[in-house]
Protein backbone atom coordinates (compact mmCIF):
# COMPACT_ATOMS: atom_id res chain seq x y z
CA MET A 1 76.30 47.23 74.09
CA THR A 2 76.44 46.14 77.96
CA SER A 3 74.61 48.37 80.35
CA PRO A 4 76.73 50.35 83.43
CA PHE A 5 77.37 48.44 87.21
CA PHE A 6 76.39 52.15 88.42
CA PRO A 7 74.03 54.73 86.52
CA ASP A 8 74.96 57.70 85.55
CA PRO A 9 72.95 60.25 87.91
CA LEU A 10 73.69 62.77 85.03
CA GLN A 11 71.39 61.06 82.42
CA ILE A 12 69.12 60.49 85.27
CA TRP A 13 69.13 64.34 86.02
CA ARG A 14 68.68 64.81 82.12
CA GLU A 15 65.35 62.82 81.47
CA ALA A 16 63.92 64.00 84.73
CA LEU A 17 64.51 67.58 84.12
CA THR A 18 62.98 66.36 80.17
CA ARG A 19 60.60 64.78 81.63
CA LEU A 20 59.45 67.79 84.57
CA GLU A 21 59.75 70.47 81.35
CA SER A 22 57.34 68.28 78.91
CA ASP A 23 55.05 68.00 81.42
CA VAL A 24 55.01 71.68 83.02
CA ASN A 25 53.96 73.25 79.10
CA SER A 26 51.93 71.52 78.25
CA LEU A 27 49.95 71.72 81.56
CA ALA A 28 50.63 76.08 80.69
CA THR A 29 49.19 75.46 77.53
CA GLY A 30 46.17 73.45 78.43
CA SER A 31 45.45 76.39 81.23
CA LEU A 32 46.07 79.09 78.81
CA LYS A 33 43.10 77.93 76.40
CA SER A 34 40.81 78.74 79.34
CA GLN A 35 39.52 82.25 79.69
CA GLU A 36 39.52 82.24 83.59
CA VAL A 37 42.83 81.81 84.35
CA VAL A 38 43.63 84.16 81.37
CA ARG A 39 41.47 86.59 83.06
CA SER A 40 43.60 86.15 86.65
CA LEU A 41 46.59 86.58 85.36
CA HIS A 42 45.78 89.60 83.90
CA GLN A 43 44.94 90.46 87.38
CA PHE A 44 47.62 89.77 88.62
CA SER A 45 50.15 91.91 86.12
CA SER A 46 48.48 94.82 87.33
CA VAL A 47 47.97 94.71 90.30
CA SER A 48 51.75 93.88 90.93
CA LEU A 49 52.21 97.33 88.39
CA GLY A 50 50.30 98.74 90.43
CA MET A 51 52.81 98.03 93.53
CA GLN A 52 55.06 99.15 92.40
CA GLN A 53 54.80 102.34 91.06
CA MET A 54 53.62 102.37 94.74
CA LEU A 55 56.13 102.02 96.85
CA GLU A 56 58.77 103.67 94.04
CA THR A 57 56.35 106.67 94.41
CA LEU A 58 57.61 105.85 98.71
CA PHE A 59 61.32 105.13 97.88
CA ASP A 60 61.39 108.63 96.28
CA ASN A 61 58.66 110.93 98.75
CA TYR A 62 61.14 109.04 101.49
CA LEU A 63 64.89 109.97 99.74
CA ARG A 64 62.47 113.48 99.20
CA LYS A 65 61.85 113.85 102.79
CA ALA A 66 65.83 112.27 104.00
CA ASN A 67 67.49 114.74 101.10
CA LEU A 68 68.70 111.64 99.37
CA PRO A 69 69.74 111.32 95.34
CA THR A 70 67.47 109.03 93.74
CA ARG A 71 68.66 106.16 91.63
CA LYS A 72 67.47 108.40 87.83
CA GLN A 73 70.03 111.30 89.46
CA VAL A 74 72.06 109.05 90.39
CA ALA A 75 72.80 107.77 86.69
CA GLU A 76 72.43 111.28 85.29
CA LEU A 77 74.79 113.04 87.57
CA ALA A 78 76.98 110.44 86.24
CA GLU A 79 76.67 110.47 82.80
CA SER A 80 77.35 114.41 82.96
CA LEU A 81 80.88 113.19 84.82
CA VAL A 82 81.34 110.70 82.81
CA ARG A 83 80.51 113.82 79.33
CA ILE A 84 83.04 116.00 81.22
CA GLU A 85 85.87 113.95 81.57
CA LEU A 86 85.74 113.44 78.00
CA LYS A 87 85.59 117.11 77.19
CA LEU A 88 88.57 117.67 80.07
CA ASP A 89 90.89 115.22 78.73
CA ARG A 90 90.41 116.60 74.89
CA LEU A 91 91.63 119.97 76.28
CA SER A 92 94.57 118.25 78.26
CA PRO A 93 98.00 117.82 76.44
CA PRO A 94 98.70 114.55 75.98
CA ASP A 95 101.48 112.55 78.43
CA LYS A 96 104.49 113.13 78.20
CA THR A 97 105.07 109.13 79.32
CA SER A 98 103.94 108.85 75.33
CA GLU A 99 106.58 109.91 74.21
CA SER A 100 110.08 108.17 73.08
CA PRO A 101 112.80 108.58 76.50
CA ARG A 102 115.36 111.39 75.46
CA PRO A 103 118.93 110.74 75.34
CA ALA A 104 121.16 110.51 77.92
CA ARG A 105 123.53 114.24 78.09
CA THR A 106 126.87 113.34 78.15
CA ARG A 107 129.51 114.29 76.01
CA ARG A 108 129.90 111.03 73.29
CA PRO A 109 128.02 111.15 70.79
CA PRO A 110 124.38 108.99 70.98
CA SER A 111 125.99 106.51 69.14
CA SER A 112 129.29 106.32 71.32
CA THR A 113 127.53 105.69 74.53
CA PRO A 114 126.64 102.58 75.93
CA ALA A 115 122.77 101.04 76.33
CA THR A 116 123.00 100.42 80.14
CA THR A 117 124.69 101.29 83.26
CA GLU A 118 126.47 98.37 83.90
CA GLU A 119 127.80 99.17 80.36
CA ALA A 120 129.20 102.40 81.43
CA ALA A 121 130.09 101.60 84.49
CA SER A 122 132.49 98.69 83.07
CA THR A 123 134.53 101.02 79.98
CA ALA A 124 133.87 104.04 82.12
CA THR A 125 137.72 105.28 83.13
CA PRO A 126 138.61 107.33 86.34
CA SER A 127 139.22 111.33 85.15
CA THR A 128 140.55 112.23 87.81
CA LYS A 129 144.54 112.58 87.49
CA ARG A 130 146.41 111.56 90.34
CA THR A 131 150.00 112.91 91.11
CA PRO A 132 152.78 110.64 92.21
CA ARG A 133 153.95 110.54 95.79
CA GLY A 134 156.09 113.53 96.72
CA LYS A 135 156.33 115.68 93.92
CA ARG A 136 154.20 119.00 93.78
CA THR A 137 152.20 120.46 92.24
CA GLY A 138 152.48 124.45 91.18
CA LYS A 139 151.07 125.17 94.42
CA GLU A 140 151.85 125.03 98.01
């Protein structure tokens, strides 16, 4: 098998990424054996959690003073609206659009009614009779 003239850039990227992942994994595994690193990671996570709680209370206080709802309150309101809508859907009558269409109101029986209006227009006969010229009907 001959090697290509130009190297595949995606293959180079895959090899570099695989090598980087293995180096980072070995470094992390070796450093977690040290108690100092584990303690510092624990302290970092506890400080981060404390800052998150502090920011959350700060935002809650700000929103309360601004008379705005919190995300939790908006989520609770959305859930209650969904429950109300479901109850209304159960109470409301079914849609009339889901029923089958009613037949046309004509004097002809349903089997002889044309299916479309185009057919009706082509098969329609004039309903008014015209009198010949010169003849008059009974009233003058």
